N, C-alpha and C. Protein backbone atom coordinates (compact mmCIF):
# COMPACT_ATOMS: atom_id res chain seq x y z
N UNK A 1 -21.28 9.23 -11.15
CA UNK A 1 -21.06 9.79 -9.85
C UNK A 1 -21.10 11.31 -9.89
N UNK A 2 -21.60 11.87 -10.96
CA UNK A 2 -21.65 13.32 -11.00
C UNK A 2 -22.81 13.82 -10.16
N UNK A 3 -22.75 15.08 -9.85
CA UNK A 3 -23.76 15.66 -8.98
C UNK A 3 -24.52 16.71 -9.76
N UNK A 4 -25.74 16.95 -9.38
CA UNK A 4 -26.55 17.93 -10.09
C UNK A 4 -26.23 19.35 -9.64
N UNK A 5 -25.52 19.50 -8.56
CA UNK A 5 -25.15 20.82 -8.07
C UNK A 5 -24.07 21.39 -8.96
N UNK A 6 -24.23 22.62 -9.41
CA UNK A 6 -23.23 23.21 -10.28
C UNK A 6 -22.08 23.77 -9.46
N UNK A 7 -20.96 23.91 -10.12
CA UNK A 7 -19.78 24.45 -9.47
C UNK A 7 -19.70 25.94 -9.79
N UNK A 8 -20.37 26.73 -9.03
CA UNK A 8 -20.33 28.17 -9.27
C UNK A 8 -19.04 28.74 -8.69
N UNK A 9 -18.48 29.75 -9.36
CA UNK A 9 -17.24 30.32 -8.86
C UNK A 9 -17.44 30.92 -7.48
N UNK A 10 -16.41 30.78 -6.66
CA UNK A 10 -16.49 31.37 -5.34
C UNK A 10 -15.47 32.49 -5.25
N UNK A 11 -15.57 33.32 -4.25
CA UNK A 11 -14.75 34.52 -4.18
C UNK A 11 -13.24 34.26 -4.21
N UNK A 12 -12.73 33.33 -3.40
CA UNK A 12 -11.28 33.17 -3.32
C UNK A 12 -10.90 31.72 -3.07
N UNK A 13 -10.66 30.94 -4.12
CA UNK A 13 -10.23 29.57 -3.87
C UNK A 13 -8.81 29.53 -3.34
N UNK A 14 -8.52 28.53 -2.54
CA UNK A 14 -7.17 28.33 -2.02
C UNK A 14 -6.28 27.90 -3.17
N UNK A 15 -5.06 28.39 -3.23
CA UNK A 15 -4.19 28.12 -4.36
C UNK A 15 -3.55 26.75 -4.29
N UNK A 16 -3.28 26.22 -3.12
CA UNK A 16 -2.56 24.96 -3.00
C UNK A 16 -3.30 24.00 -2.09
N UNK A 17 -3.23 22.67 -2.41
CA UNK A 17 -3.88 21.72 -1.52
C UNK A 17 -3.06 21.41 -0.29
N UNK A 18 -1.83 21.89 -0.25
CA UNK A 18 -0.98 21.63 0.91
C UNK A 18 -1.45 22.47 2.08
N UNK A 19 -1.42 21.90 3.29
CA UNK A 19 -1.86 22.69 4.44
C UNK A 19 -0.88 23.82 4.72
N UNK A 20 -1.39 24.88 5.29
CA UNK A 20 -0.54 25.99 5.68
C UNK A 20 0.06 25.69 7.04
N UNK A 21 0.76 26.63 7.60
CA UNK A 21 1.37 26.38 8.90
C UNK A 21 0.30 26.12 9.95
N UNK A 22 0.63 25.39 11.03
CA UNK A 22 -0.38 25.05 12.03
C UNK A 22 -1.07 26.26 12.63
N UNK A 23 -0.41 27.41 12.70
CA UNK A 23 -1.02 28.59 13.28
C UNK A 23 -2.15 29.11 12.39
N UNK A 24 -2.07 28.89 11.06
CA UNK A 24 -3.07 29.39 10.14
C UNK A 24 -4.15 28.35 9.84
N UNK A 25 -3.91 27.10 10.18
CA UNK A 25 -4.85 26.03 9.86
C UNK A 25 -5.90 25.93 10.95
N UNK A 26 -7.17 25.91 10.58
CA UNK A 26 -8.20 25.75 11.61
C UNK A 26 -8.08 24.38 12.26
N UNK A 27 -8.52 24.23 13.50
CA UNK A 27 -8.40 22.95 14.18
C UNK A 27 -9.23 21.87 13.50
N UNK A 28 -8.89 20.63 13.77
CA UNK A 28 -9.57 19.48 13.20
C UNK A 28 -11.02 19.46 13.64
N UNK A 29 -11.91 19.18 12.71
CA UNK A 29 -13.33 19.11 13.00
C UNK A 29 -13.74 17.64 13.08
N UNK A 30 -13.95 17.07 14.28
CA UNK A 30 -14.24 15.65 14.40
C UNK A 30 -15.60 15.25 13.88
N UNK A 31 -16.46 16.16 13.54
CA UNK A 31 -17.80 15.79 13.08
C UNK A 31 -17.81 15.36 11.62
N UNK A 32 -16.75 15.66 10.84
CA UNK A 32 -16.78 15.30 9.43
C UNK A 32 -16.73 13.80 9.23
N UNK A 33 -15.94 13.09 9.99
CA UNK A 33 -15.87 11.63 9.90
C UNK A 33 -15.28 11.14 11.19
N UNK A 34 -16.04 10.43 11.98
CA UNK A 34 -15.65 10.13 13.35
C UNK A 34 -14.40 9.27 13.47
N UNK A 35 -14.11 8.41 12.48
CA UNK A 35 -12.95 7.52 12.58
C UNK A 35 -11.70 8.15 11.99
N UNK A 36 -11.79 9.39 11.57
CA UNK A 36 -10.69 10.04 10.88
C UNK A 36 -9.53 10.33 11.83
N UNK A 37 -8.30 10.23 11.30
CA UNK A 37 -7.12 10.59 12.08
C UNK A 37 -7.11 12.11 12.25
N UNK A 38 -6.44 12.62 13.27
CA UNK A 38 -6.46 14.06 13.52
C UNK A 38 -5.57 14.83 12.53
N UNK A 39 -6.08 15.08 11.36
CA UNK A 39 -5.38 15.87 10.35
C UNK A 39 -5.91 17.29 10.40
N UNK A 40 -5.12 18.25 9.93
CA UNK A 40 -5.65 19.62 9.83
C UNK A 40 -6.83 19.64 8.86
N UNK A 41 -7.73 20.53 9.10
CA UNK A 41 -8.91 20.65 8.23
C UNK A 41 -8.45 21.05 6.83
N UNK A 42 -8.79 20.26 5.81
CA UNK A 42 -8.38 20.61 4.45
C UNK A 42 -9.21 21.79 3.94
N UNK A 43 -8.73 22.46 2.90
CA UNK A 43 -9.47 23.62 2.40
C UNK A 43 -10.81 23.19 1.78
N UNK A 44 -11.77 24.10 1.78
CA UNK A 44 -13.06 23.82 1.15
C UNK A 44 -12.90 23.68 -0.36
N UNK A 45 -11.97 24.43 -0.90
CA UNK A 45 -11.65 24.32 -2.32
C UNK A 45 -10.22 24.77 -2.53
N UNK A 46 -9.64 24.30 -3.63
CA UNK A 46 -8.27 24.68 -3.96
C UNK A 46 -8.08 24.56 -5.46
N UNK A 47 -6.97 25.12 -5.94
CA UNK A 47 -6.62 25.05 -7.36
C UNK A 47 -5.29 24.33 -7.47
N UNK A 48 -5.24 23.34 -8.36
CA UNK A 48 -3.98 22.64 -8.65
C UNK A 48 -3.91 22.46 -10.15
N UNK A 49 -2.79 22.82 -10.73
CA UNK A 49 -2.59 22.74 -12.19
C UNK A 49 -3.74 23.43 -12.94
N UNK A 50 -4.12 24.60 -12.46
CA UNK A 50 -5.16 25.45 -13.06
C UNK A 50 -6.55 24.80 -13.09
N UNK A 51 -6.75 23.80 -12.25
CA UNK A 51 -8.07 23.16 -12.14
C UNK A 51 -8.57 23.37 -10.72
N UNK A 52 -9.83 23.76 -10.60
CA UNK A 52 -10.41 24.01 -9.29
C UNK A 52 -11.06 22.74 -8.76
N UNK A 53 -10.87 22.49 -7.47
CA UNK A 53 -11.44 21.34 -6.78
C UNK A 53 -12.24 21.85 -5.59
N UNK A 54 -13.44 21.29 -5.40
CA UNK A 54 -14.33 21.68 -4.31
C UNK A 54 -14.65 20.44 -3.50
N UNK A 55 -14.68 20.59 -2.17
CA UNK A 55 -15.02 19.47 -1.29
C UNK A 55 -16.37 18.88 -1.66
N UNK A 56 -16.42 17.58 -1.74
CA UNK A 56 -17.67 16.89 -2.08
C UNK A 56 -18.76 17.16 -1.04
N UNK A 57 -18.37 17.28 0.22
CA UNK A 57 -19.33 17.51 1.30
C UNK A 57 -20.08 18.82 1.09
N UNK A 58 -19.41 19.81 0.56
CA UNK A 58 -20.03 21.12 0.34
C UNK A 58 -21.09 21.03 -0.76
N UNK A 59 -20.81 20.24 -1.80
CA UNK A 59 -21.74 20.13 -2.92
C UNK A 59 -22.82 19.08 -2.70
N UNK A 60 -22.65 18.23 -1.70
CA UNK A 60 -23.55 17.10 -1.51
C UNK A 60 -24.90 17.52 -0.98
N UNK A 61 -25.88 16.72 -1.31
CA UNK A 61 -27.20 16.87 -0.69
C UNK A 61 -27.04 16.48 0.77
N UNK A 62 -27.97 16.88 1.61
CA UNK A 62 -27.82 16.55 3.02
C UNK A 62 -27.84 15.03 3.19
N UNK A 63 -27.15 14.57 4.20
CA UNK A 63 -27.07 13.14 4.46
C UNK A 63 -25.91 12.46 3.76
N UNK A 64 -25.00 13.21 3.17
CA UNK A 64 -23.86 12.61 2.49
C UNK A 64 -22.98 11.89 3.51
N UNK A 65 -22.56 10.68 3.16
CA UNK A 65 -21.69 9.90 4.04
C UNK A 65 -20.67 9.17 3.17
N UNK A 66 -19.37 9.29 3.48
CA UNK A 66 -18.38 8.57 2.68
C UNK A 66 -18.54 7.06 2.87
N UNK A 67 -17.91 6.29 2.01
CA UNK A 67 -18.01 4.84 2.08
C UNK A 67 -17.40 4.28 3.35
N UNK A 68 -17.47 2.97 3.49
CA UNK A 68 -16.98 2.32 4.71
C UNK A 68 -15.52 1.89 4.61
N UNK A 69 -14.88 2.09 3.48
CA UNK A 69 -13.49 1.69 3.31
C UNK A 69 -12.57 2.50 4.22
N UNK A 70 -11.45 1.89 4.60
CA UNK A 70 -10.50 2.60 5.46
C UNK A 70 -9.82 3.77 4.75
N UNK A 71 -9.94 3.86 3.44
CA UNK A 71 -9.29 4.98 2.74
C UNK A 71 -9.83 6.32 3.19
N UNK A 72 -11.06 6.34 3.69
CA UNK A 72 -11.66 7.62 4.10
C UNK A 72 -11.10 8.12 5.42
N UNK A 73 -10.35 7.29 6.15
CA UNK A 73 -9.65 7.78 7.34
C UNK A 73 -8.46 8.65 6.94
N UNK A 74 -7.96 8.44 5.71
CA UNK A 74 -6.75 9.10 5.26
C UNK A 74 -6.99 10.11 4.14
N UNK A 75 -8.22 10.39 3.83
CA UNK A 75 -8.49 11.35 2.78
C UNK A 75 -9.97 11.59 2.62
N UNK A 76 -10.33 12.42 1.64
CA UNK A 76 -11.73 12.70 1.38
C UNK A 76 -11.94 13.02 -0.08
N UNK A 77 -13.20 13.20 -0.44
CA UNK A 77 -13.56 13.43 -1.83
C UNK A 77 -13.63 14.91 -2.15
N UNK A 78 -13.11 15.23 -3.31
CA UNK A 78 -13.27 16.56 -3.90
C UNK A 78 -13.89 16.36 -5.27
N UNK A 79 -14.53 17.39 -5.79
CA UNK A 79 -15.09 17.34 -7.13
C UNK A 79 -14.26 18.26 -8.01
N UNK A 80 -13.79 17.70 -9.12
CA UNK A 80 -12.97 18.45 -10.07
C UNK A 80 -13.87 19.36 -10.88
N UNK A 81 -13.50 20.62 -10.97
CA UNK A 81 -14.33 21.61 -11.65
C UNK A 81 -14.40 21.42 -13.15
N UNK A 82 -13.36 20.89 -13.78
CA UNK A 82 -13.33 20.79 -15.23
C UNK A 82 -14.32 19.77 -15.78
N UNK A 83 -14.53 18.67 -15.06
CA UNK A 83 -15.43 17.63 -15.58
C UNK A 83 -16.36 17.05 -14.51
N UNK A 84 -16.38 17.63 -13.33
CA UNK A 84 -17.20 17.21 -12.18
C UNK A 84 -16.98 15.77 -11.75
N UNK A 85 -15.79 15.23 -12.02
CA UNK A 85 -15.47 13.88 -11.52
C UNK A 85 -15.01 14.00 -10.07
N UNK A 86 -15.32 12.97 -9.30
CA UNK A 86 -14.91 12.94 -7.91
C UNK A 86 -13.50 12.38 -7.82
N UNK A 87 -12.65 13.05 -7.03
CA UNK A 87 -11.26 12.64 -6.87
C UNK A 87 -10.95 12.47 -5.39
N UNK A 88 -9.86 11.75 -5.11
CA UNK A 88 -9.45 11.47 -3.73
C UNK A 88 -8.34 12.42 -3.32
N UNK A 89 -8.56 13.14 -2.24
CA UNK A 89 -7.58 14.05 -1.65
C UNK A 89 -6.94 13.33 -0.47
N UNK A 90 -5.63 13.14 -0.50
CA UNK A 90 -4.91 12.36 0.52
C UNK A 90 -4.40 13.29 1.63
N UNK A 91 -4.88 13.04 2.86
CA UNK A 91 -4.41 13.83 4.00
C UNK A 91 -2.92 13.61 4.24
N UNK A 92 -2.45 12.39 4.03
CA UNK A 92 -1.04 12.07 4.26
C UNK A 92 -0.14 12.88 3.32
N UNK A 93 -0.54 13.00 2.06
CA UNK A 93 0.23 13.81 1.11
C UNK A 93 0.22 15.28 1.52
N UNK A 94 -0.92 15.75 2.01
CA UNK A 94 -1.02 17.15 2.44
C UNK A 94 -0.11 17.42 3.62
N UNK A 95 -0.12 16.53 4.61
CA UNK A 95 0.72 16.70 5.80
C UNK A 95 2.20 16.62 5.42
N UNK A 96 2.54 15.69 4.51
CA UNK A 96 3.93 15.55 4.07
C UNK A 96 4.34 16.56 3.02
N UNK A 97 3.41 17.44 2.64
CA UNK A 97 3.63 18.48 1.63
C UNK A 97 4.03 17.90 0.28
N UNK A 98 3.45 16.72 -0.06
CA UNK A 98 3.62 16.14 -1.38
C UNK A 98 2.53 16.69 -2.29
N UNK A 99 2.78 16.68 -3.58
CA UNK A 99 1.75 17.10 -4.52
C UNK A 99 0.63 16.06 -4.50
N UNK A 100 -0.60 16.53 -4.46
CA UNK A 100 -1.76 15.63 -4.47
C UNK A 100 -1.84 14.92 -5.82
N UNK A 101 -2.04 13.60 -5.78
CA UNK A 101 -2.20 12.85 -7.02
C UNK A 101 -3.64 12.89 -7.52
N UNK A 102 -4.59 13.11 -6.62
CA UNK A 102 -6.00 13.31 -6.96
C UNK A 102 -6.54 12.24 -7.90
N UNK A 103 -6.60 11.00 -7.41
CA UNK A 103 -7.12 9.88 -8.18
C UNK A 103 -8.61 10.04 -8.41
N UNK A 104 -9.05 9.77 -9.62
CA UNK A 104 -10.49 9.73 -9.88
C UNK A 104 -11.04 8.53 -9.12
N UNK A 105 -12.12 8.74 -8.40
CA UNK A 105 -12.68 7.68 -7.56
C UNK A 105 -13.54 6.77 -8.42
N UNK A 106 -13.01 5.59 -8.66
CA UNK A 106 -13.72 4.57 -9.41
C UNK A 106 -13.35 3.26 -8.74
N UNK A 107 -13.79 3.07 -7.51
CA UNK A 107 -13.33 1.96 -6.68
C UNK A 107 -12.25 2.47 -5.74
N UNK A 108 -11.70 1.57 -4.92
CA UNK A 108 -10.72 2.00 -3.92
C UNK A 108 -9.33 1.44 -4.15
N UNK A 109 -9.13 0.59 -5.15
CA UNK A 109 -7.85 -0.10 -5.28
C UNK A 109 -6.69 0.85 -5.56
N UNK A 110 -6.86 1.84 -6.42
CA UNK A 110 -5.75 2.76 -6.71
C UNK A 110 -5.38 3.56 -5.47
N UNK A 111 -6.38 3.98 -4.73
CA UNK A 111 -6.12 4.76 -3.51
C UNK A 111 -5.43 3.87 -2.47
N UNK A 112 -5.91 2.64 -2.30
CA UNK A 112 -5.28 1.72 -1.34
C UNK A 112 -3.83 1.45 -1.72
N UNK A 113 -3.55 1.25 -3.02
CA UNK A 113 -2.17 1.05 -3.46
C UNK A 113 -1.32 2.28 -3.17
N UNK A 114 -1.87 3.45 -3.40
CA UNK A 114 -1.15 4.70 -3.12
C UNK A 114 -0.81 4.78 -1.63
N UNK A 115 -1.79 4.52 -0.77
CA UNK A 115 -1.56 4.59 0.67
C UNK A 115 -0.52 3.58 1.12
N UNK A 116 -0.53 2.40 0.51
CA UNK A 116 0.44 1.38 0.90
C UNK A 116 1.84 1.72 0.43
N UNK A 117 1.98 2.12 -0.83
CA UNK A 117 3.31 2.36 -1.38
C UNK A 117 3.93 3.66 -0.87
N UNK A 118 3.14 4.70 -0.78
CA UNK A 118 3.70 6.00 -0.43
C UNK A 118 3.71 6.28 1.06
N UNK A 119 2.75 5.70 1.80
CA UNK A 119 2.61 6.06 3.21
C UNK A 119 2.68 4.86 4.15
N UNK A 120 2.98 3.67 3.64
CA UNK A 120 3.11 2.43 4.44
C UNK A 120 1.84 2.13 5.25
N UNK A 121 0.69 2.30 4.62
CA UNK A 121 -0.59 1.97 5.27
C UNK A 121 -1.09 0.69 4.62
N UNK A 122 -1.30 -0.33 5.43
CA UNK A 122 -1.69 -1.64 4.92
C UNK A 122 -2.98 -1.54 4.10
N UNK A 123 -2.95 -2.11 2.89
CA UNK A 123 -4.10 -1.96 2.00
C UNK A 123 -5.31 -2.77 2.45
N UNK A 124 -5.11 -3.79 3.26
CA UNK A 124 -6.23 -4.60 3.73
C UNK A 124 -6.83 -4.07 5.04
N UNK A 125 -5.95 -3.73 5.98
CA UNK A 125 -6.43 -3.34 7.31
C UNK A 125 -6.55 -1.84 7.50
N UNK A 126 -5.79 -1.06 6.75
CA UNK A 126 -5.80 0.38 6.92
C UNK A 126 -4.94 0.86 8.08
N UNK A 127 -4.11 -0.03 8.61
CA UNK A 127 -3.25 0.31 9.75
C UNK A 127 -1.86 0.65 9.23
N UNK A 128 -1.29 1.72 9.79
CA UNK A 128 0.06 2.13 9.38
C UNK A 128 1.08 1.10 9.85
N UNK A 129 1.95 0.72 8.95
CA UNK A 129 2.99 -0.24 9.29
C UNK A 129 4.12 0.48 10.00
N UNK A 130 4.68 -0.18 10.98
CA UNK A 130 5.81 0.39 11.71
C UNK A 130 7.01 0.42 10.78
N UNK A 131 7.86 1.41 11.00
CA UNK A 131 9.09 1.50 10.22
C UNK A 131 10.00 0.37 10.66
N UNK A 132 10.45 -0.42 9.72
CA UNK A 132 11.36 -1.51 10.08
C UNK A 132 12.63 -1.36 9.25
N UNK A 133 13.73 -1.71 9.88
CA UNK A 133 14.99 -1.61 9.18
C UNK A 133 15.11 -2.75 8.19
N UNK A 134 15.93 -2.54 7.19
CA UNK A 134 16.13 -3.57 6.18
C UNK A 134 16.92 -4.72 6.79
N UNK A 135 16.56 -5.95 6.45
CA UNK A 135 17.24 -7.11 7.00
C UNK A 135 18.65 -7.19 6.44
N UNK A 136 19.55 -7.71 7.28
CA UNK A 136 20.92 -7.89 6.83
C UNK A 136 20.99 -9.09 5.89
N UNK A 137 22.08 -9.20 5.17
CA UNK A 137 22.28 -10.33 4.26
C UNK A 137 22.26 -11.63 5.04
N UNK A 138 22.87 -11.64 6.22
CA UNK A 138 22.89 -12.84 7.05
C UNK A 138 21.47 -13.25 7.45
N UNK A 139 20.64 -12.29 7.85
CA UNK A 139 19.26 -12.60 8.21
C UNK A 139 18.49 -13.15 7.01
N UNK A 140 18.72 -12.56 5.83
CA UNK A 140 18.05 -13.05 4.63
C UNK A 140 18.47 -14.48 4.31
N UNK A 141 19.77 -14.78 4.48
CA UNK A 141 20.26 -16.14 4.23
C UNK A 141 19.66 -17.12 5.23
N UNK A 142 19.56 -16.71 6.49
CA UNK A 142 18.95 -17.58 7.50
C UNK A 142 17.49 -17.86 7.17
N UNK A 143 16.77 -16.83 6.76
CA UNK A 143 15.37 -17.01 6.38
C UNK A 143 15.24 -17.96 5.19
N UNK A 144 16.14 -17.80 4.21
CA UNK A 144 16.10 -18.67 3.03
C UNK A 144 16.42 -20.11 3.42
N UNK A 145 17.39 -20.29 4.31
CA UNK A 145 17.74 -21.64 4.75
C UNK A 145 16.58 -22.28 5.49
N UNK A 146 15.90 -21.51 6.31
CA UNK A 146 14.76 -22.05 7.06
C UNK A 146 13.65 -22.46 6.11
N UNK A 147 13.36 -21.64 5.12
CA UNK A 147 12.30 -22.00 4.18
C UNK A 147 12.73 -23.15 3.29
N UNK A 148 14.02 -23.22 2.97
CA UNK A 148 14.54 -24.34 2.18
C UNK A 148 14.40 -25.64 2.95
N UNK A 149 14.72 -25.61 4.25
CA UNK A 149 14.60 -26.80 5.08
C UNK A 149 13.14 -27.24 5.14
N UNK A 150 12.25 -26.30 5.27
CA UNK A 150 10.82 -26.63 5.31
C UNK A 150 10.40 -27.31 4.01
N UNK A 151 10.85 -26.76 2.89
CA UNK A 151 10.51 -27.34 1.60
C UNK A 151 11.01 -28.77 1.51
N UNK A 152 12.27 -28.99 1.90
CA UNK A 152 12.84 -30.33 1.77
C UNK A 152 12.20 -31.32 2.74
N UNK A 153 11.81 -30.87 3.91
CA UNK A 153 11.16 -31.78 4.86
C UNK A 153 9.89 -32.36 4.27
N UNK A 154 9.17 -31.57 3.51
CA UNK A 154 7.93 -32.05 2.92
C UNK A 154 8.16 -32.95 1.71
N UNK A 155 9.34 -32.94 1.16
CA UNK A 155 9.55 -33.69 -0.07
C UNK A 155 10.80 -34.57 -0.04
N UNK A 156 11.19 -35.06 1.12
CA UNK A 156 12.38 -35.91 1.23
C UNK A 156 12.22 -37.17 0.40
N UNK A 157 11.06 -37.79 0.46
CA UNK A 157 10.84 -39.03 -0.29
C UNK A 157 10.94 -38.78 -1.80
N UNK A 158 10.38 -37.70 -2.26
CA UNK A 158 10.46 -37.37 -3.69
C UNK A 158 11.91 -37.12 -4.09
N UNK A 159 12.66 -36.43 -3.23
CA UNK A 159 14.07 -36.17 -3.51
C UNK A 159 14.85 -37.48 -3.63
N UNK A 160 14.60 -38.40 -2.71
CA UNK A 160 15.29 -39.70 -2.75
C UNK A 160 14.95 -40.44 -4.03
N UNK A 161 13.68 -40.43 -4.41
CA UNK A 161 13.26 -41.11 -5.64
C UNK A 161 13.96 -40.53 -6.86
N UNK A 162 14.00 -39.21 -6.96
CA UNK A 162 14.67 -38.57 -8.10
C UNK A 162 16.16 -38.84 -8.11
N UNK A 163 16.78 -38.85 -6.94
CA UNK A 163 18.21 -39.13 -6.85
C UNK A 163 18.51 -40.56 -7.32
N UNK A 164 17.73 -41.52 -6.85
CA UNK A 164 17.96 -42.92 -7.24
C UNK A 164 17.72 -43.09 -8.74
N UNK A 165 16.68 -42.48 -9.28
CA UNK A 165 16.43 -42.56 -10.72
C UNK A 165 17.61 -42.00 -11.51
N UNK A 166 18.15 -40.87 -11.07
CA UNK A 166 19.30 -40.26 -11.74
C UNK A 166 20.51 -41.20 -11.70
N UNK A 167 20.75 -41.80 -10.54
CA UNK A 167 21.89 -42.71 -10.39
C UNK A 167 21.74 -43.90 -11.33
N UNK A 168 20.57 -44.50 -11.39
CA UNK A 168 20.34 -45.70 -12.20
C UNK A 168 20.39 -45.39 -13.69
N UNK A 169 19.66 -44.40 -14.13
CA UNK A 169 19.58 -44.12 -15.56
C UNK A 169 20.85 -43.49 -16.13
N UNK A 170 21.62 -42.83 -15.31
CA UNK A 170 22.86 -42.21 -15.80
C UNK A 170 24.08 -43.08 -15.53
N UNK A 171 23.84 -44.27 -14.98
CA UNK A 171 24.93 -45.22 -14.71
C UNK A 171 26.04 -44.58 -13.88
N UNK A 172 25.64 -43.95 -12.80
CA UNK A 172 26.61 -43.34 -11.89
C UNK A 172 27.24 -44.45 -11.06
N UNK A 173 28.56 -44.46 -11.03
CA UNK A 173 29.27 -45.49 -10.26
C UNK A 173 29.00 -45.28 -8.77
N UNK A 174 28.87 -46.40 -8.04
CA UNK A 174 28.55 -46.30 -6.62
C UNK A 174 29.65 -45.62 -5.81
N UNK A 175 30.90 -45.72 -6.27
CA UNK A 175 31.96 -45.05 -5.51
C UNK A 175 31.79 -43.53 -5.56
N UNK A 176 31.10 -43.02 -6.60
CA UNK A 176 30.83 -41.58 -6.67
C UNK A 176 29.89 -41.14 -5.55
N UNK A 177 28.97 -42.05 -5.18
CA UNK A 177 28.02 -41.72 -4.13
C UNK A 177 28.67 -41.68 -2.76
N UNK A 178 29.80 -42.37 -2.63
CA UNK A 178 30.51 -42.37 -1.36
C UNK A 178 31.53 -41.24 -1.28
N UNK A 179 31.66 -40.52 -2.35
CA UNK A 179 32.59 -39.40 -2.40
C UNK A 179 32.22 -38.37 -1.34
N UNK A 180 33.24 -37.89 -0.64
CA UNK A 180 33.03 -36.93 0.45
C UNK A 180 32.31 -35.67 -0.03
N UNK A 181 32.68 -35.18 -1.20
CA UNK A 181 32.11 -33.93 -1.70
C UNK A 181 30.64 -34.11 -2.12
N UNK A 182 30.32 -35.28 -2.67
CA UNK A 182 28.93 -35.54 -3.02
C UNK A 182 28.07 -35.61 -1.76
N UNK A 183 28.61 -36.26 -0.73
CA UNK A 183 27.88 -36.37 0.54
C UNK A 183 27.68 -34.99 1.16
N UNK A 184 28.71 -34.14 1.09
CA UNK A 184 28.56 -32.77 1.60
C UNK A 184 27.46 -32.01 0.85
N UNK A 185 27.40 -32.24 -0.46
CA UNK A 185 26.35 -31.61 -1.26
C UNK A 185 24.97 -32.06 -0.79
N UNK A 186 24.80 -33.36 -0.58
CA UNK A 186 23.51 -33.88 -0.11
C UNK A 186 23.15 -33.33 1.26
N UNK A 187 24.12 -33.30 2.17
CA UNK A 187 23.83 -32.77 3.51
C UNK A 187 23.53 -31.27 3.48
N UNK A 188 24.17 -30.57 2.55
CA UNK A 188 23.86 -29.15 2.39
C UNK A 188 22.42 -28.97 1.92
N UNK A 189 22.01 -29.80 0.95
CA UNK A 189 20.64 -29.70 0.44
C UNK A 189 19.61 -30.06 1.49
N UNK A 190 19.93 -31.08 2.29
CA UNK A 190 18.99 -31.49 3.32
C UNK A 190 19.72 -32.19 4.44
N UNK A 191 19.92 -31.53 5.58
CA UNK A 191 20.62 -32.15 6.70
C UNK A 191 19.92 -33.40 7.24
N UNK A 192 18.64 -33.57 6.93
CA UNK A 192 17.91 -34.75 7.42
C UNK A 192 18.37 -36.03 6.74
N UNK A 193 19.05 -35.92 5.61
CA UNK A 193 19.54 -37.11 4.93
C UNK A 193 20.73 -37.65 5.68
């Protein structure tokens, strides 16, 4: 994925990939990628950890177009000056003033995982997930009970078979089966019994 265009030094690279204040940031340019979210225009080049990065669009031959993945709505390609590898610049990290992780672009899975874990952007659809509060313990128990009931409904016959086999092979006395506490245990496991 290297390019034949050399990375010649330019007069003044930007020192940080983080956007400056809105008053200093040029307005969003919708022609770069039509489906892009309205992020401030990222710098043409910047330096991070003493390595210079240049926008891929600047170095590209005419007709350059990013891939069709949703990751390009949330970032763009830069070329690393030290080895000319293409890396992913995350707009969300820039807006949140996080340090850019600058993943080497070799597929989209690492970038999609980053967007999902750090920015709550669904890795399949590319849609931001709404902030949801953590479920209470009671809600979690209700969900578990509902899924447990579903499981037992599908396997009531198997449960009965295993119970009868256990009773017969272990010589369980029948009065034990009539015990109130044993019956409560069975009803707890499956109210349908």
